[in-house]
Amino acid sequence: MQHSVVSTRTAMLRAMPRACVGASRRPRPAAALRGRRARALPWGSCLDLPPMLPDTSRTDGPLGPRDFVLYAVCVLIFGSGWLPLKLQLGVVAPEVSGTWRFLVATLAMLVFVIATRAPLAFKARDHLLFAGLGATLFSLNFLFFYYAGYHLPSGLLSVIFSLTAILVPLFSALLLGVPLRRQILGGALAGIAGTALVFGPSLADGRGIDGAGVGLALGVAGTVCFSFGSLLSGVAGRRGIPMASTSFWGFAYGFLILLIISLVRGAPFIVDWSVRYLGSLGFLIVVQTLAGFAVYIQLIRNIGANRAGYGTVMFPIVALFLSTLFEDYHWTLTAAAGIALVLAGNLLVLRQPKPAAG
């Protein structure tokens, strides 16, 4: 009888997931419990399925020199990409421009993956993650901003996009159970307020803005997509998926989504052979898509999606300098105060937290 009970208990333990058995054997450290809060949420298993690697991103620690370099490069690349995006508008439909962009980017990344022998075969659940990345980070967000560009100037598009700094921490808290630190939220709010001071006067008097409501709605939709895609990129990193593989499959699914949208809308697959269009397309493919997203994804893996996303608050500053050079933007005292507020918020988010007493 005793042997039967022991055998039954052994069979039950073997049938249980390893995580459950391990939990019954030893208590978990507090850090490990914090890292698994997503599992307790009803949708957590959809975003954070095992097997998982430990979250090695330094979400609370100081940034190293390499992180600062990645951060600065990311801000420069994405901050300067709004003007080329506007230059794409005109002859070619936005969804077709996006299709060309990610067709070339996918082929280039495939060559890189093969050359570096990064894995290409993944399970179905990983392809679900890649499809989510393709939809949010590599297709729909661009499409929304392309169409928003018909209604809003490039600088204001960048201001809307800076809402990523707030949306990423909020989504992390709501979907993954990540604690929302006041330091991050306060810095993000300061950055948003600063960008409002920079671009607020031109928005208030309506200069150069037609259909601002439509443009604002499209821009917010694109920002929501990008913010959610940033979280999915972090999940891919925690699964141990190489960055090159993540980028290739994300680009591939993004290309397919844009191709389908182009076919459904009946958009002609044409190319504008002007220097303006080809030059801006080349910049968006090589600099922003291939180099920029490689830097951004690596930054997420290094410092976490929250602090990496805060870099979007700095994008309007780069756009403002470009407007000064190419669009005759006139500096004002309000703009200078806004820039100072953005920089202060940036330092607030990036500074090292004080160690707990004791």
Protein backbone atom coordinates (compact mmCIF):
# COMPACT_ATOMS: atom_id res chain seq x y z
CA MET A 1 0.00 0.00 0.00
CA GLN A 2 2.79 2.41 0.93
CA HIS A 3 4.58 1.57 -2.30
CA SER A 4 1.39 2.35 -4.25
CA VAL A 5 1.04 5.78 -2.61
CA VAL A 6 4.67 6.64 -3.34
CA SER A 7 4.29 5.55 -6.96
CA THR A 8 1.14 7.63 -7.35
CA ARG A 9 2.83 10.71 -5.88
CA THR A 10 5.86 10.20 -8.17
CA ALA A 11 3.63 9.98 -11.23
CA MET A 12 1.82 13.17 -10.23
CA LEU A 13 5.08 15.04 -9.78
CA ARG A 14 6.31 13.90 -13.18
CA ALA A 15 3.10 15.16 -14.78
CA MET A 16 3.45 18.60 -13.22
CA PRO A 17 5.40 21.36 -15.03
CA ARG A 18 8.95 21.68 -13.80
CA ALA A 19 8.34 25.26 -12.68
CA CYS A 20 5.58 24.05 -10.35
CA VAL A 21 7.70 21.23 -8.95
CA GLY A 22 10.61 23.57 -8.38
CA ALA A 23 8.38 26.03 -6.59
CA SER A 24 7.35 23.33 -4.13
CA ARG A 25 10.94 22.37 -3.36
CA ARG A 26 12.55 25.72 -2.53
CA PRO A 27 11.48 29.33 -2.09
CA ARG A 28 12.34 31.74 -4.88
CA PRO A 29 14.35 34.90 -4.32
CA ALA A 30 12.44 38.16 -4.43
CA ALA A 31 14.14 39.17 -7.70
CA ALA A 32 13.03 35.94 -9.35
CA LEU A 33 9.48 36.48 -8.19
CA ARG A 34 9.47 39.99 -9.61
CA GLY A 35 10.72 38.66 -12.92
CA ARG A 36 7.82 36.20 -13.09
CA ARG A 37 4.97 38.56 -12.32
CA ALA A 38 3.80 38.30 -15.91
CA ARG A 39 2.94 34.63 -15.34
CA ALA A 40 0.35 35.60 -12.75
CA LEU A 41 -1.56 37.78 -15.21
CA PRO A 42 -4.21 36.07 -17.38
CA TRP A 43 -2.48 37.20 -20.58
CA GLY A 44 1.07 36.81 -19.30
CA SER A 45 1.55 33.36 -20.81
CA CYS A 46 0.78 34.80 -24.25
CA LEU A 47 3.71 37.22 -24.02
CA ASP A 48 6.19 35.34 -21.86
CA LEU A 49 6.07 31.62 -22.58
CA PRO A 50 8.73 29.21 -21.30
CA PRO A 51 11.46 28.30 -21.87
CA MET A 52 12.84 31.72 -20.91
CA LEU A 53 16.27 33.05 -20.14
CA PRO A 54 16.75 35.35 -17.16
CA ASP A 55 16.07 39.01 -17.84
CA THR A 56 19.60 40.39 -18.05
CA SER A 57 18.67 43.93 -19.04
CA ARG A 58 19.90 46.53 -16.57
CA THR A 59 16.56 48.23 -16.00
CA ASP A 60 17.62 49.92 -12.75
CA GLY A 61 21.41 50.12 -12.90
CA PRO A 62 23.66 52.76 -14.43
CA LEU A 63 24.28 52.88 -18.16
CA GLY A 64 27.73 51.86 -19.32
CA PRO A 65 29.70 53.69 -22.03
CA ARG A 66 28.48 51.25 -24.69
CA ASP A 67 24.87 51.81 -23.65
CA PHE A 68 25.27 55.58 -23.92
CA VAL A 69 26.72 55.18 -27.42
CA LEU A 70 23.82 52.96 -28.50
CA TYR A 71 21.38 55.40 -26.92
CA ALA A 72 22.88 58.40 -28.74
CA VAL A 73 23.05 56.58 -32.09
CA CYS A 74 19.43 55.47 -31.72
CA VAL A 75 18.29 59.04 -31.02
CA LEU A 76 20.22 60.43 -34.00
CA ILE A 77 18.98 57.79 -36.43
CA PHE A 78 15.31 57.82 -35.51
CA GLY A 79 15.24 61.53 -34.78
CA SER A 80 16.48 62.29 -38.29
CA GLY A 81 14.13 59.84 -40.01
CA TRP A 82 10.99 61.98 -39.97
CA LEU A 83 12.08 64.30 -42.77
CA PRO A 84 12.90 61.40 -45.17
CA LEU A 85 9.52 59.87 -44.29
CA LYS A 86 7.80 63.07 -45.43
CA LEU A 87 9.87 63.05 -48.62
CA GLN A 88 8.41 59.63 -49.46
CA LEU A 89 4.89 61.02 -49.78
CA GLY A 90 3.58 61.91 -53.22
CA VAL A 91 3.70 59.58 -56.23
CA VAL A 92 3.96 56.16 -54.55
CA ALA A 93 1.28 54.93 -52.13
CA PRO A 94 2.58 54.70 -48.53
CA GLU A 95 1.87 50.97 -48.27
CA VAL A 96 3.85 50.35 -51.48
CA SER A 97 6.76 52.46 -50.23
CA GLY A 98 6.72 50.36 -47.07
CA THR A 99 6.63 47.18 -49.15
CA TRP A 100 9.74 48.21 -51.12
CA ARG A 101 11.44 49.24 -47.91
CA PHE A 102 10.98 45.94 -46.10
CA LEU A 103 11.50 43.80 -49.20
CA VAL A 104 15.04 45.15 -49.52
CA ALA A 105 15.58 45.09 -45.74
CA THR A 106 14.42 41.46 -45.50
CA LEU A 107 16.73 40.31 -48.29
CA ALA A 108 19.67 42.18 -46.79
CA MET A 109 19.01 40.71 -43.35
CA LEU A 110 18.70 37.22 -44.85
CA VAL A 111 22.20 37.56 -46.31
CA PHE A 112 23.48 38.70 -42.91
CA VAL A 113 21.77 35.80 -41.10
CA ILE A 114 23.25 33.26 -43.50
CA ALA A 115 26.70 34.84 -43.29
CA THR A 116 26.67 34.80 -39.48
CA ARG A 117 25.00 31.36 -39.33
CA ALA A 118 22.22 32.63 -37.11
CA PRO A 119 19.32 30.18 -36.74
CA LEU A 120 16.36 30.43 -39.11
CA ALA A 121 14.20 27.53 -37.87
CA PHE A 122 11.92 28.28 -34.92
CA LYS A 123 8.83 26.84 -33.29
CA ALA A 124 5.29 27.98 -34.04
CA ARG A 125 5.03 30.02 -30.83
CA ASP A 126 8.16 31.95 -31.84
CA HIS A 127 6.69 32.65 -35.27
CA LEU A 128 3.61 34.02 -33.52
CA LEU A 129 5.95 36.40 -31.72
CA PHE A 130 7.71 37.29 -34.99
CA ALA A 131 4.36 37.98 -36.64
CA GLY A 132 3.45 40.30 -33.78
CA LEU A 133 6.76 42.12 -34.23
CA GLY A 134 6.17 42.37 -37.97
CA ALA A 135 2.71 43.85 -37.45
CA THR A 136 3.54 46.32 -34.69
CA LEU A 137 7.19 47.27 -35.11
CA PHE A 138 7.82 46.73 -38.82
CA SER A 139 4.65 47.56 -40.76
CA LEU A 140 1.52 49.08 -39.22
CA ASN A 141 3.29 51.74 -37.17
CA PHE A 142 5.09 52.96 -40.30
CA LEU A 143 1.90 52.90 -42.33
CA PHE A 144 0.04 54.96 -39.73
CA PHE A 145 2.80 57.57 -39.67
CA TYR A 146 3.07 57.66 -43.46
CA TYR A 147 -0.60 58.62 -43.67
CA ALA A 148 -0.32 60.96 -40.70
CA GLY A 149 2.38 62.76 -42.66
CA TYR A 150 -0.27 63.96 -45.11
CA HIS A 151 -1.87 65.98 -42.31
CA LEU A 152 0.95 66.99 -39.95
CA PRO A 153 4.47 68.42 -40.26
CA SER A 154 7.38 66.07 -39.57
CA GLY A 155 8.29 67.76 -36.28
CA LEU A 156 4.83 67.21 -34.86
CA LEU A 157 4.90 63.55 -35.94
CA SER A 158 8.01 63.16 -33.83
CA VAL A 159 6.31 64.82 -30.87
CA ILE A 160 3.42 62.35 -31.05
CA PHE A 161 5.88 59.47 -31.34
CA SER A 162 7.58 60.60 -28.13
CA LEU A 163 4.50 59.33 -26.28
CA THR A 164 6.29 55.97 -26.50
CA ALA A 165 8.17 57.05 -23.39
CA ILE A 166 4.94 56.86 -21.41
CA LEU A 167 3.15 54.05 -23.25
CA VAL A 168 5.94 51.48 -22.88
CA PRO A 169 6.06 51.68 -19.05
CA LEU A 170 2.25 51.69 -18.93
CA PHE A 171 1.99 48.63 -21.18
CA SER A 172 4.73 46.93 -19.16
CA ALA A 173 2.73 47.50 -15.99
CA LEU A 174 -0.66 46.52 -17.45
CA LEU A 175 0.39 43.54 -19.57
CA LEU A 176 3.52 42.20 -17.88
CA GLY A 177 3.03 43.27 -14.27
CA VAL A 178 6.27 45.28 -14.24
CA PRO A 179 6.31 47.83 -11.41
CA LEU A 180 5.91 51.39 -12.68
CA ARG A 181 8.70 53.40 -11.06
CA ARG A 182 7.90 57.02 -10.35
CA GLN A 183 11.34 57.97 -11.67
CA ILE A 184 10.51 56.70 -15.16
CA LEU A 185 7.01 58.13 -15.25
CA GLY A 186 8.14 61.49 -13.91
CA GLY A 187 10.97 61.75 -16.43
CA ALA A 188 8.69 60.77 -19.29
CA LEU A 189 6.09 63.35 -18.30
CA ALA A 190 8.80 66.01 -18.11
CA GLY A 191 9.95 65.06 -21.59
CA ILE A 192 6.45 65.19 -23.04
CA ALA A 193 5.84 68.57 -21.40
CA GLY A 194 9.11 69.84 -22.85
CA THR A 195 8.26 68.76 -26.39
CA ALA A 196 4.85 70.40 -25.99
CA LEU A 197 6.61 73.67 -25.16
CA VAL A 198 8.82 73.29 -28.23
CA PHE A 199 6.04 72.64 -30.74
CA GLY A 200 3.01 73.98 -28.88
CA PRO A 201 3.01 77.53 -30.28
CA SER A 202 2.99 76.40 -33.92
CA LEU A 203 0.24 73.89 -33.13
CA ALA A 204 -1.84 76.49 -31.31
CA ASP A 205 -1.95 78.95 -34.23
CA GLY A 206 -2.45 76.14 -36.75
CA ARG A 207 0.45 77.01 -39.04
CA GLY A 208 0.85 74.46 -41.80
CA ILE A 209 -1.58 72.00 -40.21
CA ASP A 210 -4.59 70.69 -42.13
CA GLY A 211 -6.72 67.85 -40.76
CA ALA A 212 -4.78 67.80 -37.51
CA GLY A 213 -7.33 65.57 -35.79
CA VAL A 214 -6.92 62.79 -38.36
CA GLY A 215 -3.16 63.12 -38.28
CA LEU A 216 -3.12 63.02 -34.49
CA ALA A 217 -5.27 59.87 -34.39
CA LEU A 218 -3.07 58.13 -36.96
CA GLY A 219 0.08 59.18 -35.14
CA VAL A 220 -1.20 57.90 -31.80
CA ALA A 221 -2.18 54.59 -33.43
CA GLY A 222 1.33 54.25 -34.84
CA THR A 223 2.85 55.06 -31.46
CA VAL A 224 0.72 52.41 -29.74
CA CYS A 225 1.90 49.84 -32.30
CA PHE A 226 5.55 50.76 -31.80
CA SER A 227 5.24 50.68 -28.00
CA PHE A 228 3.67 47.22 -27.99
CA GLY A 229 6.27 46.01 -30.48
CA SER A 230 9.02 47.21 -28.14
CA LEU A 231 7.66 44.90 -25.44
CA LEU A 232 7.55 41.98 -27.88
CA SER A 233 11.17 42.66 -28.80
CA GLY A 234 12.10 42.37 -25.13
CA VAL A 235 10.26 39.04 -24.93
CA ALA A 236 12.27 37.75 -27.91
CA GLY A 237 15.46 38.70 -26.10
CA ARG A 238 14.42 36.88 -22.95
CA ARG A 239 13.68 33.78 -25.00
CA GLY A 240 17.28 33.81 -26.13
CA ILE A 241 16.45 34.39 -29.81
CA PRO A 242 19.43 35.97 -31.59
CA MET A 243 18.89 39.57 -32.62
CA ALA A 244 19.64 38.87 -36.29
CA SER A 245 17.02 36.12 -36.39
CA THR A 246 14.48 38.35 -34.66
CA SER A 247 15.11 41.16 -37.13
CA PHE A 248 14.94 38.90 -40.20
CA TRP A 249 11.64 37.27 -39.30
CA GLY A 250 10.18 40.55 -38.07
CA PHE A 251 11.13 42.22 -41.37
CA ALA A 252 9.76 39.28 -43.35
CA TYR A 253 6.38 39.34 -41.63
CA GLY A 254 6.27 43.13 -41.89
CA PHE A 255 6.90 42.88 -45.63
CA LEU A 256 4.13 40.29 -46.04
CA ILE A 257 1.65 42.43 -44.09
CA LEU A 258 2.43 45.53 -46.16
CA LEU A 259 2.26 43.49 -49.37
CA ILE A 260 -1.18 42.16 -48.46
CA ILE A 261 -2.43 45.64 -47.56
CA SER A 262 -1.13 46.97 -50.90
CA LEU A 263 -2.89 44.19 -52.82
CA VAL A 264 -6.16 44.63 -50.93
CA ARG A 265 -6.15 48.39 -51.52
CA GLY A 266 -5.26 47.92 -55.19
CA ALA A 267 -2.27 50.24 -54.95
CA PRO A 268 -0.04 50.20 -58.05
CA PHE A 269 3.44 48.79 -57.48
CA ILE A 270 5.44 51.65 -58.94
CA VAL A 271 8.68 53.43 -58.08
CA ASP A 272 9.33 57.16 -58.16
CA TRP A 273 12.75 57.41 -59.82
CA SER A 274 13.41 60.92 -58.55
CA VAL A 275 16.49 61.61 -56.43
CA ARG A 276 14.21 62.82 -53.62
CA TYR A 277 12.28 59.55 -53.41
CA LEU A 278 15.15 57.13 -53.97
CA GLY A 279 17.45 59.02 -51.61
CA SER A 280 14.90 59.08 -48.79
CA LEU A 281 14.01 55.43 -49.43
CA GLY A 282 17.67 54.44 -49.28
CA PHE A 283 18.11 56.31 -45.99
CA LEU A 284 15.06 54.65 -44.47
CA ILE A 285 16.19 51.18 -45.57
CA VAL A 286 19.90 51.28 -44.73
CA VAL A 287 20.14 53.75 -41.88
CA GLN A 288 16.81 53.57 -40.07
CA THR A 289 15.56 50.03 -40.76
CA LEU A 290 18.74 47.93 -40.89
CA ALA A 291 21.08 49.92 -38.64
CA GLY A 292 18.52 51.76 -36.51
CA PHE A 293 16.44 48.79 -35.44
CA ALA A 294 19.54 46.71 -34.77
CA VAL A 295 20.70 49.42 -32.37
CA TYR A 296 17.24 49.84 -30.81
CA ILE A 297 16.67 46.11 -30.24
CA GLN A 298 20.13 45.75 -28.71
CA LEU A 299 19.41 48.75 -26.48
CA ILE A 300 16.20 47.10 -25.26
CA ARG A 301 18.16 43.98 -24.37
CA ASN A 302 20.76 46.06 -22.53
CA ILE A 303 18.69 48.55 -20.52
CA GLY A 304 15.08 47.37 -20.87
CA ALA A 305 12.17 48.59 -22.98
CA ASN A 306 11.20 51.36 -20.55
CA ARG A 307 14.46 53.30 -20.64
CA ALA A 308 15.13 52.50 -24.30
CA GLY A 309 11.67 53.82 -25.16
CA TYR A 310 12.39 57.06 -23.38
CA GLY A 311 14.85 57.91 -26.16
CA THR A 312 11.81 58.73 -28.29
CA VAL A 313 11.39 61.89 -26.22
CA MET A 314 14.71 63.07 -27.65
CA PHE A 315 13.66 62.49 -31.27
CA PRO A 316 11.81 65.83 -31.59
CA ILE A 317 14.96 67.66 -30.56
CA VAL A 318 16.81 66.20 -33.55
CA ALA A 319 13.83 67.02 -35.76
CA LEU A 320 13.94 70.59 -34.46
CA PHE A 321 17.59 71.01 -35.42
CA LEU A 322 16.84 69.64 -38.89
CA SER A 323 13.98 72.10 -39.19
CA THR A 324 16.40 74.87 -38.28
CA LEU A 325 18.76 73.80 -41.06
CA PHE A 326 16.31 72.89 -43.82
CA GLU A 327 12.94 74.46 -42.95
CA ASP A 328 14.04 77.83 -41.53
CA TYR A 329 12.76 77.08 -38.04
CA HIS A 330 13.05 80.10 -35.71
CA TRP A 331 14.12 79.46 -32.13
CA THR A 332 12.10 80.99 -29.31
CA LEU A 333 12.44 81.26 -25.55
CA THR A 334 9.62 78.72 -25.19
CA ALA A 335 11.46 76.25 -27.42
CA ALA A 336 14.67 76.66 -25.42
CA ALA A 337 12.77 76.06 -22.16
CA GLY A 338 11.18 72.96 -23.66
CA ILE A 339 14.54 71.52 -24.68
CA ALA A 340 15.89 72.10 -21.18
CA LEU A 341 12.88 70.27 -19.73
CA VAL A 342 13.38 67.34 -22.10
CA LEU A 343 17.04 67.02 -21.13
CA ALA A 344 16.15 67.20 -17.43
CA GLY A 345 13.60 64.42 -17.83
CA ASN A 346 16.12 62.36 -19.77
CA LEU A 347 18.66 62.62 -16.96
CA LEU A 348 15.97 61.71 -14.42
CA VAL A 349 15.18 58.45 -16.19
CA LEU A 350 18.78 57.50 -16.95
CA ARG A 351 20.36 58.31 -13.60
CA GLN A 352 21.20 55.50 -11.18
CA PRO A 353 18.59 55.01 -8.43
CA LYS A 354 19.69 55.54 -4.86
CA PRO A 355 20.46 52.28 -3.03
CA ALA A 356 17.93 51.20 -0.45
CA ALA A 357 18.84 51.95 3.15
CA GLY A 358 20.23 48.99 5.05
